[in-house]
N, C-alpha and C. Protein backbone atom coordinates (compact mmCIF):
# COMPACT_ATOMS: atom_id res chain seq x y z
N MET A 1 -13.23 13.68 4.33
CA MET A 1 -12.19 12.67 4.46
C MET A 1 -11.18 12.86 3.32
N ARG A 2 -9.92 13.01 3.69
CA ARG A 2 -8.85 13.18 2.71
C ARG A 2 -8.22 11.85 2.39
N ILE A 3 -8.24 11.46 1.14
CA ILE A 3 -7.67 10.20 0.68
C ILE A 3 -6.52 10.50 -0.26
N GLU A 4 -5.38 9.90 0.00
CA GLU A 4 -4.23 9.99 -0.90
C GLU A 4 -4.02 8.61 -1.51
N ILE A 5 -3.70 8.59 -2.80
CA ILE A 5 -3.50 7.33 -3.51
C ILE A 5 -2.11 7.32 -4.12
N MET A 6 -1.38 6.25 -3.85
CA MET A 6 -0.07 6.03 -4.50
C MET A 6 -0.23 4.85 -5.45
N GLN A 7 0.38 4.97 -6.63
CA GLN A 7 0.29 3.92 -7.63
C GLN A 7 1.70 3.57 -8.13
N PRO A 8 2.42 2.73 -7.39
CA PRO A 8 3.73 2.34 -7.89
C PRO A 8 3.61 1.54 -9.19
N THR A 9 4.58 1.72 -10.06
CA THR A 9 4.58 1.00 -11.34
C THR A 9 5.88 0.24 -11.49
N GLY A 10 5.86 -0.75 -12.37
CA GLY A 10 7.08 -1.51 -12.65
C GLY A 10 7.44 -2.44 -11.52
N HIS A 11 8.62 -2.21 -10.93
CA HIS A 11 9.15 -3.09 -9.89
C HIS A 11 9.27 -2.35 -8.58
N LEU A 12 8.91 -3.04 -7.51
CA LEU A 12 9.13 -2.53 -6.17
C LEU A 12 10.13 -3.49 -5.53
N ASP A 13 11.41 -3.12 -5.68
CA ASP A 13 12.49 -3.99 -5.23
C ASP A 13 13.61 -3.13 -4.65
N ALA A 14 14.75 -3.73 -4.41
CA ALA A 14 15.86 -3.04 -3.74
C ALA A 14 16.26 -1.76 -4.46
N THR A 15 16.06 -1.69 -5.76
CA THR A 15 16.46 -0.50 -6.51
C THR A 15 15.45 0.65 -6.42
N SER A 16 14.22 0.35 -6.00
CA SER A 16 13.19 1.38 -6.01
C SER A 16 12.56 1.66 -4.64
N THR A 17 12.90 0.89 -3.63
CA THR A 17 12.20 1.05 -2.36
C THR A 17 12.53 2.36 -1.65
N ASN A 18 13.74 2.86 -1.78
CA ASN A 18 14.04 4.15 -1.14
C ASN A 18 13.16 5.25 -1.70
N TYR A 19 12.98 5.26 -3.02
CA TYR A 19 12.10 6.24 -3.65
C TYR A 19 10.66 6.08 -3.15
N PHE A 20 10.18 4.83 -3.09
CA PHE A 20 8.82 4.56 -2.61
C PHE A 20 8.65 5.05 -1.18
N ARG A 21 9.61 4.75 -0.33
CA ARG A 21 9.53 5.17 1.08
C ARG A 21 9.49 6.70 1.19
N GLN A 22 10.30 7.36 0.38
CA GLN A 22 10.32 8.83 0.42
C GLN A 22 8.97 9.39 -0.05
N GLN A 23 8.43 8.80 -1.12
CA GLN A 23 7.13 9.25 -1.62
C GLN A 23 6.04 9.04 -0.57
N ALA A 24 6.08 7.88 0.10
CA ALA A 24 5.09 7.61 1.15
C ALA A 24 5.21 8.64 2.27
N SER A 25 6.43 8.95 2.67
CA SER A 25 6.64 9.94 3.72
C SER A 25 6.11 11.31 3.29
N ASN A 26 6.37 11.67 2.04
CA ASN A 26 5.87 12.95 1.52
C ASN A 26 4.35 13.01 1.53
N VAL A 27 3.73 11.91 1.12
CA VAL A 27 2.26 11.86 1.11
C VAL A 27 1.73 11.97 2.54
N LEU A 28 2.33 11.24 3.47
CA LEU A 28 1.86 11.26 4.85
C LEU A 28 2.10 12.60 5.53
N ASP A 29 3.08 13.36 5.07
CA ASP A 29 3.30 14.72 5.59
C ASP A 29 2.10 15.62 5.31
N ARG A 30 1.30 15.28 4.30
CA ARG A 30 0.11 16.08 3.96
C ARG A 30 -1.08 15.72 4.85
N LYS A 31 -0.88 14.79 5.78
CA LYS A 31 -1.89 14.40 6.79
C LYS A 31 -3.21 13.90 6.21
N PRO A 32 -3.16 12.91 5.31
CA PRO A 32 -4.43 12.36 4.81
C PRO A 32 -5.10 11.51 5.90
N ASP A 33 -6.38 11.26 5.73
CA ASP A 33 -7.10 10.35 6.63
C ASP A 33 -6.86 8.90 6.22
N VAL A 34 -6.67 8.70 4.91
CA VAL A 34 -6.47 7.36 4.37
C VAL A 34 -5.39 7.41 3.30
N LEU A 35 -4.50 6.40 3.33
CA LEU A 35 -3.52 6.21 2.27
C LEU A 35 -3.81 4.87 1.59
N LEU A 36 -4.14 4.94 0.32
CA LEU A 36 -4.40 3.73 -0.48
C LEU A 36 -3.22 3.52 -1.40
N ILE A 37 -2.67 2.30 -1.39
CA ILE A 37 -1.62 1.93 -2.33
C ILE A 37 -2.28 1.03 -3.37
N ASP A 38 -2.42 1.55 -4.58
CA ASP A 38 -3.03 0.82 -5.70
C ASP A 38 -1.90 0.14 -6.47
N LEU A 39 -1.88 -1.19 -6.42
CA LEU A 39 -0.79 -1.96 -7.02
C LEU A 39 -1.15 -2.50 -8.41
N LYS A 40 -2.14 -1.91 -9.03
CA LYS A 40 -2.61 -2.39 -10.33
C LYS A 40 -1.49 -2.43 -11.38
N HIS A 41 -0.59 -1.47 -11.34
CA HIS A 41 0.45 -1.39 -12.37
C HIS A 41 1.81 -1.91 -11.90
N LEU A 42 1.81 -2.57 -10.75
CA LEU A 42 3.06 -3.14 -10.24
C LEU A 42 3.30 -4.49 -10.93
N LYS A 43 4.47 -4.63 -11.54
CA LYS A 43 4.77 -5.88 -12.26
C LYS A 43 5.50 -6.90 -11.41
N GLN A 44 6.33 -6.43 -10.49
CA GLN A 44 7.14 -7.33 -9.69
C GLN A 44 7.43 -6.70 -8.34
N MET A 45 7.52 -7.54 -7.31
CA MET A 45 7.87 -7.07 -5.99
C MET A 45 8.66 -8.16 -5.30
N ASP A 46 9.71 -7.78 -4.56
CA ASP A 46 10.47 -8.74 -3.79
C ASP A 46 10.34 -8.41 -2.30
N SER A 47 11.17 -9.05 -1.49
CA SER A 47 11.08 -8.83 -0.05
C SER A 47 11.38 -7.38 0.33
N SER A 48 12.22 -6.70 -0.43
CA SER A 48 12.47 -5.27 -0.17
C SER A 48 11.21 -4.46 -0.39
N GLY A 49 10.47 -4.80 -1.42
CA GLY A 49 9.19 -4.12 -1.69
C GLY A 49 8.18 -4.38 -0.59
N LEU A 50 8.16 -5.61 -0.10
CA LEU A 50 7.28 -5.94 1.02
C LEU A 50 7.67 -5.12 2.25
N GLY A 51 8.96 -4.98 2.48
CA GLY A 51 9.44 -4.15 3.58
C GLY A 51 9.02 -2.70 3.43
N ALA A 52 9.02 -2.21 2.20
CA ALA A 52 8.59 -0.83 1.93
C ALA A 52 7.10 -0.66 2.22
N LEU A 53 6.30 -1.66 1.91
CA LEU A 53 4.86 -1.59 2.22
C LEU A 53 4.64 -1.58 3.74
N VAL A 54 5.42 -2.39 4.45
CA VAL A 54 5.32 -2.42 5.91
C VAL A 54 5.75 -1.07 6.49
N PHE A 55 6.81 -0.47 5.93
CA PHE A 55 7.23 0.86 6.34
C PHE A 55 6.10 1.87 6.17
N ALA A 56 5.44 1.84 5.00
CA ALA A 56 4.35 2.77 4.74
C ALA A 56 3.18 2.53 5.69
N LEU A 57 2.88 1.25 5.96
CA LEU A 57 1.80 0.92 6.89
C LEU A 57 2.10 1.46 8.29
N ARG A 58 3.30 1.21 8.78
CA ARG A 58 3.67 1.67 10.13
C ARG A 58 3.71 3.20 10.20
N SER A 59 4.22 3.81 9.16
CA SER A 59 4.27 5.29 9.13
C SER A 59 2.85 5.86 9.13
N ALA A 60 1.96 5.23 8.36
CA ALA A 60 0.57 5.70 8.31
C ALA A 60 -0.08 5.57 9.69
N LYS A 61 0.10 4.41 10.32
CA LYS A 61 -0.50 4.21 11.63
C LYS A 61 0.05 5.20 12.65
N ALA A 62 1.35 5.47 12.58
CA ALA A 62 1.96 6.44 13.50
C ALA A 62 1.39 7.84 13.29
N ALA A 63 0.97 8.13 12.05
CA ALA A 63 0.39 9.44 11.73
C ALA A 63 -1.13 9.47 11.94
N GLY A 64 -1.70 8.37 12.42
CA GLY A 64 -3.14 8.32 12.62
C GLY A 64 -3.93 8.18 11.34
N CYS A 65 -3.30 7.61 10.34
CA CYS A 65 -3.88 7.48 9.00
C CYS A 65 -4.23 6.02 8.73
N LYS A 66 -5.41 5.78 8.17
CA LYS A 66 -5.77 4.43 7.75
C LYS A 66 -4.95 4.08 6.51
N PHE A 67 -4.70 2.79 6.30
CA PHE A 67 -3.84 2.33 5.22
C PHE A 67 -4.48 1.12 4.57
N ALA A 68 -4.46 1.09 3.23
CA ALA A 68 -5.04 -0.04 2.52
C ALA A 68 -4.28 -0.30 1.22
N LEU A 69 -4.39 -1.53 0.76
CA LEU A 69 -3.84 -1.93 -0.54
C LEU A 69 -5.01 -2.34 -1.43
N CYS A 70 -4.86 -2.12 -2.74
CA CYS A 70 -5.86 -2.66 -3.66
C CYS A 70 -5.19 -3.12 -4.95
N SER A 71 -5.92 -3.91 -5.69
CA SER A 71 -5.51 -4.40 -7.01
C SER A 71 -4.18 -5.16 -6.95
N ILE A 72 -4.06 -6.03 -5.95
CA ILE A 72 -2.81 -6.78 -5.85
C ILE A 72 -2.83 -7.97 -6.83
N SER A 73 -1.67 -8.28 -7.36
CA SER A 73 -1.54 -9.39 -8.30
C SER A 73 -1.55 -10.72 -7.53
N GLU A 74 -1.68 -11.81 -8.26
CA GLU A 74 -1.62 -13.13 -7.63
C GLU A 74 -0.28 -13.33 -6.93
N TYR A 75 0.79 -12.84 -7.56
CA TYR A 75 2.12 -13.00 -6.97
C TYR A 75 2.23 -12.24 -5.66
N VAL A 76 1.78 -11.00 -5.62
CA VAL A 76 1.84 -10.21 -4.39
C VAL A 76 0.95 -10.87 -3.32
N ASP A 77 -0.21 -11.37 -3.71
CA ASP A 77 -1.09 -12.08 -2.80
C ASP A 77 -0.36 -13.29 -2.22
N PHE A 78 0.32 -14.04 -3.07
CA PHE A 78 1.11 -15.19 -2.63
C PHE A 78 2.20 -14.76 -1.66
N LEU A 79 2.92 -13.69 -2.00
CA LEU A 79 4.00 -13.19 -1.16
C LEU A 79 3.47 -12.80 0.22
N LEU A 80 2.34 -12.12 0.27
CA LEU A 80 1.75 -11.73 1.55
C LEU A 80 1.32 -12.96 2.35
N ASP A 81 0.75 -13.96 1.67
CA ASP A 81 0.35 -15.19 2.35
C ASP A 81 1.57 -15.97 2.85
N ALA A 82 2.58 -16.11 2.00
CA ALA A 82 3.77 -16.91 2.34
C ALA A 82 4.53 -16.33 3.51
N THR A 83 4.46 -15.02 3.68
CA THR A 83 5.16 -14.35 4.78
C THR A 83 4.24 -14.09 5.97
N SER A 84 3.03 -14.59 5.90
CA SER A 84 2.02 -14.39 6.96
C SER A 84 1.78 -12.91 7.26
N MET A 85 1.87 -12.08 6.23
CA MET A 85 1.68 -10.64 6.42
C MET A 85 0.36 -10.14 5.87
N LYS A 86 -0.41 -10.99 5.26
CA LYS A 86 -1.65 -10.53 4.64
C LYS A 86 -2.60 -9.92 5.66
N ASP A 87 -2.59 -10.45 6.88
CA ASP A 87 -3.51 -9.93 7.90
C ASP A 87 -3.11 -8.55 8.42
N LEU A 88 -1.88 -8.11 8.11
CA LEU A 88 -1.46 -6.77 8.53
C LEU A 88 -2.17 -5.68 7.74
N PHE A 89 -2.54 -6.01 6.51
CA PHE A 89 -3.05 -5.02 5.57
C PHE A 89 -4.54 -5.17 5.33
N ASP A 90 -5.24 -4.04 5.12
CA ASP A 90 -6.58 -4.08 4.57
C ASP A 90 -6.41 -4.16 3.07
N VAL A 91 -6.87 -5.26 2.46
CA VAL A 91 -6.66 -5.51 1.04
C VAL A 91 -8.01 -5.52 0.34
N PHE A 92 -8.10 -4.74 -0.74
CA PHE A 92 -9.32 -4.67 -1.54
C PHE A 92 -9.04 -5.16 -2.94
N GLU A 93 -10.03 -5.80 -3.54
CA GLU A 93 -9.87 -6.35 -4.88
C GLU A 93 -9.49 -5.29 -5.89
N ASN A 94 -10.11 -4.12 -5.77
CA ASN A 94 -9.83 -3.03 -6.70
C ASN A 94 -10.23 -1.71 -6.03
N ARG A 95 -10.01 -0.63 -6.73
CA ARG A 95 -10.29 0.69 -6.17
C ARG A 95 -11.79 0.87 -5.92
N ASN A 96 -12.62 0.33 -6.76
CA ASN A 96 -14.06 0.44 -6.59
C ASN A 96 -14.50 -0.23 -5.28
N GLN A 97 -13.98 -1.39 -4.99
CA GLN A 97 -14.31 -2.07 -3.74
C GLN A 97 -13.84 -1.24 -2.54
N PHE A 98 -12.68 -0.63 -2.66
CA PHE A 98 -12.16 0.24 -1.60
C PHE A 98 -13.13 1.41 -1.38
N GLU A 99 -13.54 2.07 -2.46
CA GLU A 99 -14.46 3.21 -2.35
C GLU A 99 -15.80 2.80 -1.74
N GLN A 100 -16.28 1.63 -2.09
CA GLN A 100 -17.54 1.14 -1.52
C GLN A 100 -17.39 0.92 -0.02
N SER A 101 -16.22 0.46 0.42
CA SER A 101 -16.00 0.25 1.85
C SER A 101 -16.06 1.57 2.62
N LEU A 102 -15.63 2.64 2.00
CA LEU A 102 -15.67 3.96 2.65
C LEU A 102 -17.10 4.45 2.83
N ARG A 103 -17.96 4.09 1.91
CA ARG A 103 -19.36 4.52 2.00
C ARG A 103 -20.09 3.85 3.15
N LYS A 104 -19.60 2.67 3.57
CA LYS A 104 -20.23 1.92 4.65
C LYS A 104 -19.88 2.47 6.01
N VAL A 105 -18.85 3.31 6.07
CA VAL A 105 -18.38 3.82 7.37
C VAL A 105 -19.29 4.92 7.87
């Protein structure tokens, strides 16, 4: 099983989403089985960042790749809940929990 991990840092907002989308596309071009977005080092995200995550999710699904998020902050959790988008994503508390879920498959 090929797993690719992206770790955005700083802000995922209107100024950085094009770069994030391009990086996600580049990663998906390598045809991983799973794409994990580890948000541990993300400090801030706005609606543009949320749109970028949805773009990555849809692109992954179109490529036949599983997609997951881990290590989301309370703010990102709130943003996902407030927009009713939390159910779109497989969300793990941290990378260790994500890895344990893979062992169960």
